[in-house]
Amino acid sequence: MLCKKCRKRESMPEYSICRVCFGKKVLKGKRKKAVERKLLKKKKIKNYKIGSVIRYKTHKEGKPRTVKVTEKHKNVKNRGGGFAGYGHNKKDKKTFFWGYDFQIYKIVKR
């Protein structure tokens, strides 16, 4: 099902809008916390390790990035597990990135 707002991307079933439009939507107070809890409950890919190459989508823009993991964290900014690492492309090799486990959608190399 397509997103109700942009009509371009696949929508999240429980919200009927895509992750990109969802990131732009301003949520406040109790509603914001409830939405964050729902996102954390989604199936997470946790079987990566330090040295793995992973693909993840950024939270606001939804742009895919490839990162070589250098650190793995149990709690990142009170929202659950996460990772940190450097870009795997030629232009991003020296750029440092971090993200949450729920943003990972593919493990390229374990």
N, C-alpha and C. Protein backbone atom coordinates (compact mmCIF):
# COMPACT_ATOMS: atom_id res chain seq x y z
N MET A 1 0.83 -1.18 0.00
CA MET A 1 0.00 0.00 0.00
C MET A 1 0.88 1.25 0.00
N LEU A 2 0.55 2.22 -0.81
CA LEU A 2 1.35 3.44 -0.91
C LEU A 2 1.02 4.42 0.21
N CYS A 3 1.96 5.28 0.49
CA CYS A 3 1.82 6.30 1.52
C CYS A 3 0.68 7.26 1.17
N LYS A 4 -0.11 7.65 2.18
CA LYS A 4 -1.22 8.56 1.94
C LYS A 4 -0.76 9.98 1.61
N LYS A 5 0.41 10.37 2.12
CA LYS A 5 0.88 11.74 1.90
C LYS A 5 1.62 11.90 0.58
N CYS A 6 2.69 11.11 0.38
CA CYS A 6 3.53 11.32 -0.80
C CYS A 6 3.14 10.42 -1.98
N ARG A 7 2.46 9.33 -1.71
CA ARG A 7 2.02 8.36 -2.74
C ARG A 7 3.17 7.81 -3.59
N LYS A 8 4.38 7.76 -3.00
CA LYS A 8 5.55 7.25 -3.72
C LYS A 8 6.10 5.97 -3.11
N ARG A 9 6.21 5.96 -1.78
CA ARG A 9 6.87 4.84 -1.09
C ARG A 9 5.87 3.93 -0.40
N GLU A 10 6.37 2.75 -0.04
CA GLU A 10 5.58 1.75 0.70
C GLU A 10 5.28 2.29 2.09
N SER A 11 4.04 2.15 2.54
CA SER A 11 3.66 2.68 3.84
C SER A 11 3.87 1.65 4.94
N MET A 12 4.02 2.16 6.18
CA MET A 12 4.07 1.28 7.34
C MET A 12 2.64 0.87 7.64
N PRO A 13 2.36 -0.42 7.85
CA PRO A 13 0.99 -0.88 7.98
C PRO A 13 0.20 -0.23 9.12
N GLU A 14 0.83 0.02 10.25
CA GLU A 14 0.08 0.55 11.38
C GLU A 14 -0.19 2.06 11.29
N TYR A 15 0.49 2.78 10.38
CA TYR A 15 0.31 4.22 10.29
C TYR A 15 -0.22 4.70 8.94
N SER A 16 -0.18 3.88 7.93
CA SER A 16 -0.60 4.18 6.56
C SER A 16 0.16 5.34 5.92
N ILE A 17 1.34 5.68 6.49
CA ILE A 17 2.25 6.61 5.84
C ILE A 17 3.64 6.00 5.85
N CYS A 18 4.52 6.45 4.97
CA CYS A 18 5.87 5.88 4.88
C CYS A 18 6.75 6.43 6.00
N ARG A 19 7.92 5.84 6.17
CA ARG A 19 8.86 6.27 7.21
C ARG A 19 9.36 7.69 6.99
N VAL A 20 9.53 8.08 5.73
CA VAL A 20 10.03 9.43 5.43
C VAL A 20 9.01 10.47 5.87
N CYS A 21 7.75 10.29 5.47
CA CYS A 21 6.69 11.22 5.88
C CYS A 21 6.48 11.17 7.38
N PHE A 22 6.63 9.99 7.96
CA PHE A 22 6.48 9.83 9.40
C PHE A 22 7.54 10.64 10.14
N GLY A 23 8.78 10.64 9.62
CA GLY A 23 9.87 11.40 10.23
C GLY A 23 9.62 12.91 10.18
N LYS A 24 8.92 13.38 9.15
CA LYS A 24 8.62 14.80 9.00
C LYS A 24 7.46 15.23 9.88
N LYS A 25 6.60 14.27 10.23
CA LYS A 25 5.42 14.57 11.04
C LYS A 25 5.85 14.90 12.47
N VAL A 26 5.32 15.95 13.02
CA VAL A 26 5.68 16.37 14.38
C VAL A 26 4.76 15.67 15.38
N LEU A 27 5.37 14.91 16.27
CA LEU A 27 4.60 14.23 17.31
C LEU A 27 5.00 14.80 18.66
N LYS A 28 4.04 14.93 19.55
CA LYS A 28 4.33 15.55 20.85
C LYS A 28 3.85 14.67 21.99
N GLY A 29 4.52 14.83 23.14
CA GLY A 29 4.10 14.24 24.41
C GLY A 29 3.92 12.74 24.42
N LYS A 30 2.79 12.29 24.99
CA LYS A 30 2.51 10.86 25.17
C LYS A 30 2.43 10.15 23.83
N ARG A 31 1.87 10.80 22.83
CA ARG A 31 1.75 10.19 21.50
C ARG A 31 3.12 9.86 20.93
N LYS A 32 4.07 10.77 21.08
CA LYS A 32 5.42 10.55 20.57
C LYS A 32 6.07 9.34 21.25
N LYS A 33 5.92 9.24 22.56
CA LYS A 33 6.50 8.12 23.28
C LYS A 33 5.87 6.79 22.87
N ALA A 34 4.57 6.79 22.64
CA ALA A 34 3.87 5.57 22.22
C ALA A 34 4.36 5.12 20.84
N VAL A 35 4.56 6.06 19.95
CA VAL A 35 5.04 5.75 18.61
C VAL A 35 6.46 5.20 18.67
N GLU A 36 7.32 5.82 19.49
CA GLU A 36 8.69 5.35 19.64
C GLU A 36 8.72 3.92 20.18
N ARG A 37 7.85 3.62 21.15
CA ARG A 37 7.79 2.26 21.69
C ARG A 37 7.38 1.26 20.62
N LYS A 38 6.43 1.63 19.76
CA LYS A 38 6.01 0.74 18.68
C LYS A 38 7.16 0.46 17.72
N LEU A 39 7.94 1.50 17.40
CA LEU A 39 9.06 1.31 16.49
C LEU A 39 10.12 0.41 17.11
N LEU A 40 10.34 0.54 18.42
CA LEU A 40 11.33 -0.29 19.10
C LEU A 40 10.91 -1.75 19.17
N LYS A 41 9.60 -2.01 19.20
CA LYS A 41 9.12 -3.38 19.28
C LYS A 41 9.22 -4.12 17.97
N LYS A 42 9.40 -3.39 16.86
CA LYS A 42 9.50 -4.04 15.56
C LYS A 42 10.71 -4.97 15.53
N LYS A 43 10.67 -5.92 14.64
CA LYS A 43 11.75 -6.90 14.53
C LYS A 43 13.06 -6.19 14.20
N LYS A 44 14.06 -6.42 15.01
CA LYS A 44 15.36 -5.80 14.83
C LYS A 44 16.36 -6.82 14.34
N ILE A 45 17.28 -6.38 13.52
CA ILE A 45 18.37 -7.25 13.09
C ILE A 45 19.51 -7.03 14.08
N LYS A 46 19.78 -8.02 14.89
CA LYS A 46 20.80 -7.88 15.93
C LYS A 46 22.00 -8.78 15.71
N ASN A 47 21.96 -9.63 14.70
CA ASN A 47 23.03 -10.60 14.55
C ASN A 47 24.19 -10.06 13.71
N TYR A 48 24.49 -8.79 13.85
CA TYR A 48 25.69 -8.23 13.24
C TYR A 48 26.75 -8.08 14.33
N LYS A 49 27.98 -7.90 13.95
CA LYS A 49 29.05 -7.75 14.93
C LYS A 49 30.01 -6.67 14.47
N ILE A 50 30.99 -6.36 15.29
CA ILE A 50 31.99 -5.36 14.92
C ILE A 50 32.78 -5.88 13.73
N GLY A 51 32.89 -5.05 12.71
CA GLY A 51 33.54 -5.45 11.47
C GLY A 51 32.55 -5.80 10.38
N SER A 52 31.26 -5.96 10.72
CA SER A 52 30.23 -6.25 9.73
C SER A 52 29.96 -5.02 8.87
N VAL A 53 29.53 -5.26 7.64
CA VAL A 53 29.09 -4.19 6.76
C VAL A 53 27.57 -4.28 6.69
N ILE A 54 26.90 -3.19 7.07
CA ILE A 54 25.44 -3.19 7.13
C ILE A 54 24.86 -2.08 6.26
N ARG A 55 23.58 -2.26 5.88
CA ARG A 55 22.83 -1.22 5.17
C ARG A 55 21.71 -0.77 6.11
N TYR A 56 21.54 0.53 6.22
CA TYR A 56 20.45 1.06 7.04
C TYR A 56 19.90 2.31 6.39
N LYS A 57 18.69 2.67 6.81
CA LYS A 57 18.07 3.88 6.29
C LYS A 57 18.08 4.95 7.37
N THR A 58 18.44 6.17 6.98
CA THR A 58 18.48 7.26 7.94
C THR A 58 17.08 7.55 8.44
N HIS A 59 16.99 8.07 9.64
CA HIS A 59 15.68 8.24 10.29
C HIS A 59 14.82 9.31 9.62
N LYS A 60 15.38 10.46 9.29
CA LYS A 60 14.57 11.55 8.74
C LYS A 60 14.40 11.47 7.23
N GLU A 61 15.49 11.33 6.50
CA GLU A 61 15.39 11.34 5.04
C GLU A 61 15.05 9.98 4.44
N GLY A 62 15.39 8.92 5.15
CA GLY A 62 15.14 7.59 4.62
C GLY A 62 16.16 7.17 3.57
N LYS A 63 17.31 7.88 3.53
CA LYS A 63 18.34 7.56 2.55
C LYS A 63 19.12 6.32 2.99
N PRO A 64 19.36 5.37 2.10
CA PRO A 64 20.13 4.19 2.48
C PRO A 64 21.62 4.51 2.57
N ARG A 65 22.28 3.93 3.57
CA ARG A 65 23.73 4.10 3.75
C ARG A 65 24.36 2.75 4.03
N THR A 66 25.59 2.61 3.59
CA THR A 66 26.37 1.40 3.87
C THR A 66 27.47 1.79 4.85
N VAL A 67 27.57 1.04 5.95
CA VAL A 67 28.51 1.37 7.02
C VAL A 67 29.24 0.13 7.47
N LYS A 68 30.54 0.29 7.76
CA LYS A 68 31.31 -0.77 8.40
C LYS A 68 31.29 -0.49 9.91
N VAL A 69 30.74 -1.42 10.67
CA VAL A 69 30.51 -1.22 12.11
C VAL A 69 31.83 -1.28 12.88
N THR A 70 32.07 -0.22 13.70
CA THR A 70 33.25 -0.19 14.56
C THR A 70 32.87 -0.28 16.04
N GLU A 71 31.62 0.08 16.35
CA GLU A 71 31.14 0.01 17.73
C GLU A 71 29.70 -0.50 17.75
N LYS A 72 29.37 -1.23 18.80
CA LYS A 72 28.01 -1.74 18.99
C LYS A 72 27.58 -1.35 20.41
N HIS A 73 26.41 -0.71 20.53
CA HIS A 73 25.96 -0.20 21.82
C HIS A 73 24.63 -0.83 22.22
N LYS A 74 24.45 -1.02 23.54
CA LYS A 74 23.18 -1.56 24.04
C LYS A 74 22.12 -0.48 24.18
N ASN A 75 22.54 0.75 24.46
CA ASN A 75 21.58 1.83 24.66
C ASN A 75 22.11 3.11 24.03
N VAL A 76 21.44 3.58 23.00
CA VAL A 76 21.83 4.81 22.32
C VAL A 76 20.73 5.84 22.56
N LYS A 77 21.04 6.90 23.26
CA LYS A 77 20.09 7.98 23.54
C LYS A 77 18.76 7.46 24.08
N ASN A 78 18.81 6.47 24.96
CA ASN A 78 17.61 5.93 25.64
C ASN A 78 16.57 5.34 24.69
N ARG A 79 16.96 4.91 23.51
CA ARG A 79 15.99 4.34 22.57
C ARG A 79 16.31 2.91 22.19
N GLY A 80 17.23 2.28 22.84
CA GLY A 80 17.54 0.90 22.52
C GLY A 80 18.92 0.76 21.89
N GLY A 81 19.18 -0.43 21.35
CA GLY A 81 20.48 -0.74 20.80
C GLY A 81 20.82 0.04 19.55
N GLY A 82 22.13 0.14 19.30
CA GLY A 82 22.56 0.87 18.12
C GLY A 82 23.98 0.51 17.71
N PHE A 83 24.47 1.23 16.72
CA PHE A 83 25.79 0.96 16.16
C PHE A 83 26.45 2.27 15.78
N ALA A 84 27.75 2.19 15.53
CA ALA A 84 28.51 3.34 15.03
C ALA A 84 29.58 2.79 14.11
N GLY A 85 29.95 3.58 13.11
CA GLY A 85 30.97 3.12 12.18
C GLY A 85 31.25 4.15 11.10
N TYR A 86 32.10 3.74 10.17
CA TYR A 86 32.50 4.62 9.07
C TYR A 86 31.88 4.14 7.77
N GLY A 87 31.67 5.09 6.86
CA GLY A 87 31.08 4.78 5.56
C GLY A 87 31.88 3.73 4.81
N HIS A 88 31.20 2.96 3.99
CA HIS A 88 31.86 1.89 3.24
C HIS A 88 32.12 2.30 1.79
N ASN A 89 31.55 3.41 1.34
CA ASN A 89 31.78 3.90 -0.02
C ASN A 89 33.06 4.71 -0.08
N LYS A 90 33.56 4.98 -1.28
CA LYS A 90 34.79 5.76 -1.42
C LYS A 90 34.64 7.16 -0.86
N LYS A 91 33.50 7.82 -1.14
CA LYS A 91 33.35 9.20 -0.69
C LYS A 91 33.03 9.31 0.80
N ASP A 92 32.52 8.25 1.42
CA ASP A 92 32.16 8.28 2.84
C ASP A 92 33.13 7.54 3.74
N LYS A 93 34.29 7.14 3.23
CA LYS A 93 35.22 6.32 4.02
C LYS A 93 35.65 7.00 5.31
N LYS A 94 35.80 8.32 5.31
CA LYS A 94 36.28 9.03 6.50
C LYS A 94 35.14 9.65 7.31
N THR A 95 33.89 9.42 6.90
CA THR A 95 32.75 10.00 7.59
C THR A 95 32.21 9.02 8.64
N PHE A 96 31.96 9.54 9.84
CA PHE A 96 31.47 8.73 10.95
C PHE A 96 29.94 8.78 10.97
N PHE A 97 29.30 7.61 11.07
CA PHE A 97 27.85 7.50 11.13
C PHE A 97 27.44 6.68 12.35
N TRP A 98 26.24 6.91 12.84
CA TRP A 98 25.67 6.07 13.89
C TRP A 98 24.18 5.92 13.62
N GLY A 99 23.59 4.87 14.23
CA GLY A 99 22.17 4.63 14.03
C GLY A 99 21.64 3.62 15.03
N TYR A 100 20.34 3.39 14.96
CA TYR A 100 19.67 2.43 15.84
C TYR A 100 19.51 1.09 15.13
N ASP A 101 19.35 0.04 15.92
CA ASP A 101 19.19 -1.30 15.35
C ASP A 101 17.94 -1.41 14.48
N PHE A 102 16.87 -0.69 14.82
CA PHE A 102 15.65 -0.82 14.04
C PHE A 102 15.76 -0.17 12.65
N GLN A 103 16.83 0.60 12.40
CA GLN A 103 17.04 1.21 11.09
C GLN A 103 17.73 0.26 10.12
N ILE A 104 18.35 -0.79 10.62
CA ILE A 104 19.08 -1.73 9.77
C ILE A 104 18.09 -2.59 8.99
N TYR A 105 18.31 -2.71 7.69
CA TYR A 105 17.44 -3.57 6.90
C TYR A 105 18.21 -4.68 6.17
N LYS A 106 19.54 -4.63 6.18
CA LYS A 106 20.29 -5.69 5.51
C LYS A 106 21.71 -5.76 6.06
N ILE A 107 22.21 -6.97 6.24
CA ILE A 107 23.61 -7.17 6.60
C ILE A 107 24.32 -7.64 5.33
N VAL A 108 25.23 -6.82 4.83
CA VAL A 108 25.92 -7.12 3.57
C VAL A 108 27.01 -8.16 3.80
N LYS A 109 27.81 -7.96 4.86
CA LYS A 109 28.91 -8.87 5.16
C LYS A 109 28.99 -9.02 6.68
N ARG A 110 29.04 -10.26 7.17
CA ARG A 110 29.11 -10.49 8.60
C ARG A 110 30.52 -10.48 9.11
